[in-house]
Amino acid sequence: MCRDSKLHSNRIGMGYKVVLATLVLIGKIIRGDDVPDPFPLKIVKMGMCDPKIDYPLNLDYKITEKNGKQYMTGKSTFKVDYGRDSDFNVTISLKKSKEDEFAQLMSVYDEDTCSGLYKYMGDMVDNILKLIGLQPGTCPIPKGVYSLTDYYLDLSMIPYSMVPQGIIQNIFVITDNNTKKVLLCYESEIENLPS
């Protein structure tokens, strides 16, 4: 599947920028103008929504921290082609402290997983494809097992001071367009709290 050359030249996909801009706006509303010095963003959780379910698309990654930077190591096991005849939905929620409950902020839907992948993740997709031995632009990604070791998770593109203080939860669900079966449910949490 080819993608538009203008999209390829973007460092971050346009859709991802829209999601970030929305989070920035929400952050400004929630935090007001007297924004304190930013706290470092940190991924505190990544994993399948329910590890007991054998999803056709499985992501098994762990986060490690070295010298204040976060890295991801693990593997993706695809029993079906990733992105073929599927859609995705990302639900974004926030809680102000570790003790609070999550409140949904927004949901982002794309009827085509492959086009959405590039829209919302930009060049990061091509970087990962190269590391797992595939050509940039490959999507659907053929079924198989793909591994990453010490992949640097660069959160510097997110304007820290404008991200709402608290914990941001993302739940990413891919569904087969024909059968409506859930192919993947993956959850992550990004923390923006004082140390």
C-alpha atoms as a PDB file:
ATOM      1  CA  MET A   1       0.000   0.000   0.000  1.00  0.00           C
ATOM      2  CA  CYS A   2       1.467   3.350  -1.013  1.00  0.00           C
ATOM      3  CA  ARG A   3       0.871   6.516   0.850  1.00  0.00           C
ATOM      4  CA  ASP A   4       0.861  10.136  -0.193  1.00  0.00           C
ATOM      5  CA  SER A   5       4.366  11.626  -0.437  1.00  0.00           C
ATOM      6  CA  LYS A   6       3.314  14.714   1.529  1.00  0.00           C
ATOM      7  CA  LEU A   7       2.297  12.483   4.429  1.00  0.00           C
ATOM      8  CA  HIS A   8       5.682  10.762   4.235  1.00  0.00           C
ATOM      9  CA  SER A   9       7.471  14.086   4.637  1.00  0.00           C
ATOM     10  CA  ASN A  10       5.620  14.948   7.850  1.00  0.00           C
ATOM     11  CA  ARG A  11       7.572  14.197  11.036  1.00  0.00           C
ATOM     12  CA  ILE A  12       4.315  13.554  12.843  1.00  0.00           C
ATOM     13  CA  GLY A  13       1.112  12.548  11.060  1.00  0.00           C
ATOM     14  CA  MET A  14      -1.519  15.281  10.725  1.00  0.00           C
ATOM     15  CA  GLY A  15      -4.122  13.298  12.642  1.00  0.00           C
ATOM     16  CA  TYR A  16      -1.699  12.797  15.511  1.00  0.00           C
ATOM     17  CA  LYS A  17      -1.137  16.566  15.568  1.00  0.00           C
ATOM     18  CA  VAL A  18      -4.903  17.078  15.838  1.00  0.00           C
ATOM     19  CA  VAL A  19      -5.071  14.666  18.789  1.00  0.00           C
ATOM     20  CA  LEU A  20      -2.113  16.422  20.458  1.00  0.00           C
ATOM     21  CA  ALA A  21      -3.624  19.859  19.824  1.00  0.00           C
ATOM     22  CA  THR A  22      -6.874  18.701  21.427  1.00  0.00           C
ATOM     23  CA  LEU A  23      -4.980  17.405  24.470  1.00  0.00           C
ATOM     24  CA  VAL A  24      -3.077  20.701  24.651  1.00  0.00           C
ATOM     25  CA  LEU A  25      -6.346  22.659  24.602  1.00  0.00           C
ATOM     26  CA  ILE A  26      -7.868  20.426  27.289  1.00  0.00           C
ATOM     27  CA  GLY A  27      -4.685  20.840  29.322  1.00  0.00           C
ATOM     28  CA  LYS A  28      -4.912  24.631  29.107  1.00  0.00           C
ATOM     29  CA  ILE A  29      -8.546  24.572  30.209  1.00  0.00           C
ATOM     30  CA  ILE A  30      -7.896  22.177  33.099  1.00  0.00           C
ATOM     31  CA  ARG A  31      -4.627  23.722  34.304  1.00  0.00           C
ATOM     32  CA  GLY A  32      -5.312  27.397  33.615  1.00  0.00           C
ATOM     33  CA  ASP A  33      -2.700  30.029  32.802  1.00  0.00           C
ATOM     34  CA  ASP A  34      -0.550  29.556  35.915  1.00  0.00           C
ATOM     35  CA  VAL A  35       1.125  26.428  34.562  1.00  0.00           C
ATOM     36  CA  PRO A  36       3.994  25.247  36.788  1.00  0.00           C
ATOM     37  CA  ASP A  37       7.253  23.913  35.391  1.00  0.00           C
ATOM     38  CA  PRO A  38       6.495  20.791  33.380  1.00  0.00           C
ATOM     39  CA  PHE A  39       6.922  17.317  34.783  1.00  0.00           C
ATOM     40  CA  PRO A  40       8.604  14.745  32.567  1.00  0.00           C
ATOM     41  CA  LEU A  41       6.138  12.618  30.623  1.00  0.00           C
ATOM     42  CA  LYS A  42       6.562   8.945  31.344  1.00  0.00           C
ATOM     43  CA  ILE A  43       4.918   5.817  29.981  1.00  0.00           C
ATOM     44  CA  VAL A  44       3.870   3.891  33.075  1.00  0.00           C
ATOM     45  CA  LYS A  45       1.836   1.087  31.505  1.00  0.00           C
ATOM     46  CA  MET A  46       1.710  -0.762  28.197  1.00  0.00           C
ATOM     47  CA  GLY A  47      -0.019  -4.042  27.525  1.00  0.00           C
ATOM     48  CA  MET A  48      -2.902  -6.025  26.139  1.00  0.00           C
ATOM     49  CA  CYS A  49      -6.285  -4.992  27.566  1.00  0.00           C
ATOM     50  CA  ASP A  50      -6.852  -8.571  28.738  1.00  0.00           C
ATOM     51  CA  PRO A  51      -3.691 -10.732  28.717  1.00  0.00           C
ATOM     52  CA  LYS A  52      -5.857 -13.877  29.030  1.00  0.00           C
ATOM     53  CA  ILE A  53      -7.407 -13.326  25.591  1.00  0.00           C
ATOM     54  CA  ASP A  54      -5.485 -14.744  22.633  1.00  0.00           C
ATOM     55  CA  TYR A  55      -5.982 -11.852  20.209  1.00  0.00           C
ATOM     56  CA  PRO A  56      -5.027 -12.478  16.549  1.00  0.00           C
ATOM     57  CA  LEU A  57      -2.734  -9.436  16.872  1.00  0.00           C
ATOM     58  CA  ASN A  58      -0.653  -9.612  20.042  1.00  0.00           C
ATOM     59  CA  LEU A  59       1.848  -7.055  21.329  1.00  0.00           C
ATOM     60  CA  ASP A  60       4.160  -8.110  24.155  1.00  0.00           C
ATOM     61  CA  TYR A  61       6.470  -5.221  25.081  1.00  0.00           C
ATOM     62  CA  LYS A  62       8.166  -4.053  28.252  1.00  0.00           C
ATOM     63  CA  ILE A  63       9.445  -0.577  29.092  1.00  0.00           C
ATOM     64  CA  THR A  64      12.883  -0.025  30.593  1.00  0.00           C
ATOM     65  CA  GLU A  65      14.493   3.204  31.692  1.00  0.00           C
ATOM     66  CA  LYS A  66      18.145   4.097  31.116  1.00  0.00           C
ATOM     67  CA  ASN A  67      19.643   7.485  31.955  1.00  0.00           C
ATOM     68  CA  GLY A  68      16.190   9.058  32.236  1.00  0.00           C
ATOM     69  CA  LYS A  69      15.070   7.774  28.809  1.00  0.00           C
ATOM     70  CA  GLN A  70      12.500   5.062  28.158  1.00  0.00           C
ATOM     71  CA  TYR A  71      13.018   2.136  25.788  1.00  0.00           C
ATOM     72  CA  MET A  72      10.672  -0.574  24.531  1.00  0.00           C
ATOM     73  CA  THR A  73      11.694  -4.206  24.032  1.00  0.00           C
ATOM     74  CA  GLY A  74       9.522  -7.144  23.017  1.00  0.00           C
ATOM     75  CA  LYS A  75       7.679  -8.749  20.144  1.00  0.00           C
ATOM     76  CA  SER A  76       4.541  -8.535  18.037  1.00  0.00           C
ATOM     77  CA  THR A  77       2.858 -11.785  17.054  1.00  0.00           C
ATOM     78  CA  PHE A  78       0.464 -11.369  14.137  1.00  0.00           C
ATOM     79  CA  LYS A  79      -1.671 -14.428  13.298  1.00  0.00           C
ATOM     80  CA  VAL A  80      -3.359 -12.327  10.603  1.00  0.00           C
ATOM     81  CA  ASP A  81      -2.042  -9.460   8.481  1.00  0.00           C
ATOM     82  CA  TYR A  82      -1.932  -6.278  10.562  1.00  0.00           C
ATOM     83  CA  GLY A  83      -4.116  -3.668   8.887  1.00  0.00           C
ATOM     84  CA  ARG A  84      -5.927  -5.828   6.337  1.00  0.00           C
ATOM     85  CA  ASP A  85      -9.677  -5.060   6.162  1.00  0.00           C
ATOM     86  CA  SER A  86      -9.750  -3.541   9.633  1.00  0.00           C
ATOM     87  CA  ASP A  87     -10.584  -0.315  11.433  1.00  0.00           C
ATOM     88  CA  PHE A  88      -9.398   1.120  14.702  1.00  0.00           C
ATOM     89  CA  ASN A  89     -10.617   3.240  17.562  1.00  0.00           C
ATOM     90  CA  VAL A  90      -8.513   4.958  20.221  1.00  0.00           C
ATOM     91  CA  THR A  91     -10.221   6.087  23.431  1.00  0.00           C
ATOM     92  CA  ILE A  92      -8.328   8.724  25.411  1.00  0.00           C
ATOM     93  CA  SER A  93      -9.123   9.230  29.107  1.00  0.00           C
ATOM     94  CA  LEU A  94      -7.599  11.233  31.970  1.00  0.00           C
ATOM     95  CA  LYS A  95      -7.377  11.024  35.729  1.00  0.00           C
ATOM     96  CA  LYS A  96      -5.884  13.847  37.807  1.00  0.00           C
ATOM     97  CA  SER A  97      -4.122  11.608  40.346  1.00  0.00           C
ATOM     98  CA  LYS A  98      -3.307   7.946  40.890  1.00  0.00           C
ATOM     99  CA  GLU A  99      -6.284   7.674  43.267  1.00  0.00           C
ATOM    100  CA  ASP A 100      -8.887   9.083  40.845  1.00  0.00           C
ATOM    101  CA  GLU A 101     -10.958   7.234  38.245  1.00  0.00           C
ATOM    102  CA  PHE A 102     -10.418   7.779  34.510  1.00  0.00           C
ATOM    103  CA  ALA A 103     -12.827  10.122  32.699  1.00  0.00           C
ATOM    104  CA  GLN A 104     -13.070   9.814  28.911  1.00  0.00           C
ATOM    105  CA  LEU A 105     -11.830  12.875  27.022  1.00  0.00           C
ATOM    106  CA  MET A 106     -12.228  11.812  23.413  1.00  0.00           C
ATOM    107  CA  SER A 107     -12.310   8.964  20.933  1.00  0.00           C
ATOM    108  CA  VAL A 108     -10.525   8.807  17.564  1.00  0.00           C
ATOM    109  CA  TYR A 109     -11.799   6.448  14.846  1.00  0.00           C
ATOM    110  CA  ASP A 110     -10.408   5.515  11.439  1.00  0.00           C
ATOM    111  CA  GLU A 111     -12.114   3.086   9.081  1.00  0.00           C
ATOM    112  CA  ASP A 112      -8.767   1.923   7.652  1.00  0.00           C
ATOM    113  CA  THR A 113      -6.066   0.742  10.059  1.00  0.00           C
ATOM    114  CA  CYS A 114      -3.220   1.238   7.571  1.00  0.00           C
ATOM    115  CA  SER A 115      -4.070   4.823   6.630  1.00  0.00           C
ATOM    116  CA  GLY A 116      -4.798   5.631  10.271  1.00  0.00           C
ATOM    117  CA  LEU A 117      -1.475   4.184  11.348  1.00  0.00           C
ATOM    118  CA  TYR A 118       0.352   6.765   9.236  1.00  0.00           C
ATOM    119  CA  LYS A 119      -2.087   9.572  10.005  1.00  0.00           C
ATOM    120  CA  TYR A 120      -1.638   9.281  13.744  1.00  0.00           C
ATOM    121  CA  MET A 121       1.942   8.018  14.089  1.00  0.00           C
ATOM    122  CA  GLY A 122       3.739   9.548  11.094  1.00  0.00           C
ATOM    123  CA  ASP A 123       7.354   8.608  10.415  1.00  0.00           C
ATOM    124  CA  MET A 124       7.582   6.587  13.628  1.00  0.00           C
ATOM    125  CA  VAL A 125       5.849   3.787  11.677  1.00  0.00           C
ATOM    126  CA  ASP A 126       8.552   3.713   8.993  1.00  0.00           C
ATOM    127  CA  ASN A 127      11.289   3.739  11.648  1.00  0.00           C
ATOM    128  CA  ILE A 128       9.752   0.694  13.331  1.00  0.00           C
ATOM    129  CA  LEU A 129       9.190  -1.087   9.999  1.00  0.00           C
ATOM    130  CA  LYS A 130      12.884  -0.690   9.136  1.00  0.00           C
ATOM    131  CA  LEU A 131      13.912  -2.061  12.526  1.00  0.00           C
ATOM    132  CA  ILE A 132      11.748  -5.175  12.082  1.00  0.00           C
ATOM    133  CA  GLY A 133      13.091  -5.798   8.580  1.00  0.00           C
ATOM    134  CA  LEU A 134      10.228  -4.479   6.437  1.00  0.00           C
ATOM    135  CA  GLN A 135      10.208  -1.779   3.780  1.00  0.00           C
ATOM    136  CA  PRO A 136       8.889   1.642   4.826  1.00  0.00           C
ATOM    137  CA  GLY A 137       5.268   2.015   3.744  1.00  0.00           C
ATOM    138  CA  THR A 138       4.483  -1.687   4.202  1.00  0.00           C
ATOM    139  CA  CYS A 139       0.872  -2.081   5.286  1.00  0.00           C
ATOM    140  CA  PRO A 140      -0.856  -4.429   5.701  1.00  0.00           C
ATOM    141  CA  ILE A 141       2.019  -5.905   7.691  1.00  0.00           C
ATOM    142  CA  PRO A 142       2.267  -9.635   6.889  1.00  0.00           C
ATOM    143  CA  LYS A 143       1.442 -12.112   9.619  1.00  0.00           C
ATOM    144  CA  GLY A 144       4.508 -13.237  11.536  1.00  0.00           C
ATOM    145  CA  VAL A 145       6.561 -12.483  14.629  1.00  0.00           C
ATOM    146  CA  TYR A 146       8.432  -9.171  14.809  1.00  0.00           C
ATOM    147  CA  SER A 147      10.858  -8.101  17.540  1.00  0.00           C
ATOM    148  CA  LEU A 148      12.191  -4.762  18.763  1.00  0.00           C
ATOM    149  CA  THR A 149      15.046  -4.295  21.202  1.00  0.00           C
ATOM    150  CA  ASP A 150      15.696  -1.061  23.090  1.00  0.00           C
ATOM    151  CA  TYR A 151      13.496   1.120  20.837  1.00  0.00           C
ATOM    152  CA  TYR A 152      13.754   4.690  22.193  1.00  0.00           C
ATOM    153  CA  LEU A 153      10.338   6.130  23.070  1.00  0.00           C
ATOM    154  CA  ASP A 154      10.762   9.817  22.259  1.00  0.00           C
ATOM    155  CA  LEU A 155       8.027  11.808  23.984  1.00  0.00           C
ATOM    156  CA  SER A 156       9.810  15.122  23.353  1.00  0.00           C
ATOM    157  CA  MET A 157       7.414  15.985  20.503  1.00  0.00           C
ATOM    158  CA  ILE A 158       4.643  16.491  23.053  1.00  0.00           C
ATOM    159  CA  PRO A 159       4.574  20.010  24.574  1.00  0.00           C
ATOM    160  CA  TYR A 160       4.882  18.958  28.232  1.00  0.00           C
ATOM    161  CA  SER A 161       3.571  22.130  29.841  1.00  0.00           C
ATOM    162  CA  MET A 162       0.325  21.940  27.877  1.00  0.00           C
ATOM    163  CA  VAL A 163      -0.474  18.291  28.531  1.00  0.00           C
ATOM    164  CA  PRO A 164      -3.053  17.956  31.304  1.00  0.00           C
ATOM    165  CA  GLN A 165      -1.512  17.094  34.649  1.00  0.00           C
ATOM    166  CA  GLY A 166      -2.444  13.556  35.557  1.00  0.00           C
ATOM    167  CA  ILE A 167      -2.419  10.169  33.869  1.00  0.00           C
ATOM    168  CA  ILE A 168      -3.557   9.840  30.255  1.00  0.00           C
ATOM    169  CA  GLN A 169      -4.923   6.440  29.246  1.00  0.00           C
ATOM    170  CA  ASN A 170      -5.109   5.291  25.612  1.00  0.00           C
ATOM    171  CA  ILE A 171      -7.084   2.181  24.656  1.00  0.00           C
ATOM    172  CA  PHE A 172      -6.396   1.110  21.065  1.00  0.00           C
ATOM    173  CA  VAL A 173      -8.830  -1.387  19.489  1.00  0.00           C
ATOM    174  CA  ILE A 174      -8.539  -2.897  15.993  1.00  0.00           C
ATOM    175  CA  THR A 175     -11.638  -4.635  14.610  1.00  0.00           C
ATOM    176  CA  ASP A 176     -12.068  -6.857  11.536  1.00  0.00           C
ATOM    177  CA  ASN A 177     -14.340  -4.970   9.102  1.00  0.00           C
ATOM    178  CA  ASN A 178     -16.075  -8.143   7.914  1.00  0.00           C
ATOM    179  CA  THR A 179     -16.590 -10.202  11.076  1.00  0.00           C
ATOM    180  CA  LYS A 180     -16.497  -7.316  13.613  1.00  0.00           C
ATOM    181  CA  LYS A 181     -14.168  -9.500  15.702  1.00  0.00           C
ATOM    182  CA  VAL A 182     -11.692  -7.626  17.917  1.00  0.00           C
ATOM    183  CA  LEU A 183      -8.216  -8.333  16.524  1.00  0.00           C
ATOM    184  CA  LEU A 184      -6.300  -6.271  19.079  1.00  0.00           C
ATOM    185  CA  CYS A 185      -7.005  -4.365  22.282  1.00  0.00           C
ATOM    186  CA  TYR A 186      -3.949  -2.565  23.670  1.00  0.00           C
ATOM    187  CA  GLU A 187      -3.725  -0.128  26.559  1.00  0.00           C
ATOM    188  CA  SER A 188      -1.106   2.438  27.538  1.00  0.00           C
ATOM    189  CA  GLU A 189      -0.839   5.111  30.206  1.00  0.00           C
ATOM    190  CA  ILE A 190       1.301   8.250  30.084  1.00  0.00           C
ATOM    191  CA  GLU A 191       1.976  10.007  33.370  1.00  0.00           C
ATOM    192  CA  ASN A 192       2.394  13.753  33.763  1.00  0.00           C
ATOM    193  CA  LEU A 193       2.746  14.050  37.550  1.00  0.00           C
ATOM    194  CA  PRO A 194       5.309  15.504  39.952  1.00  0.00           C
ATOM    195  CA  SER A 195       7.956  12.992  41.022  1.00  0.00           C
END
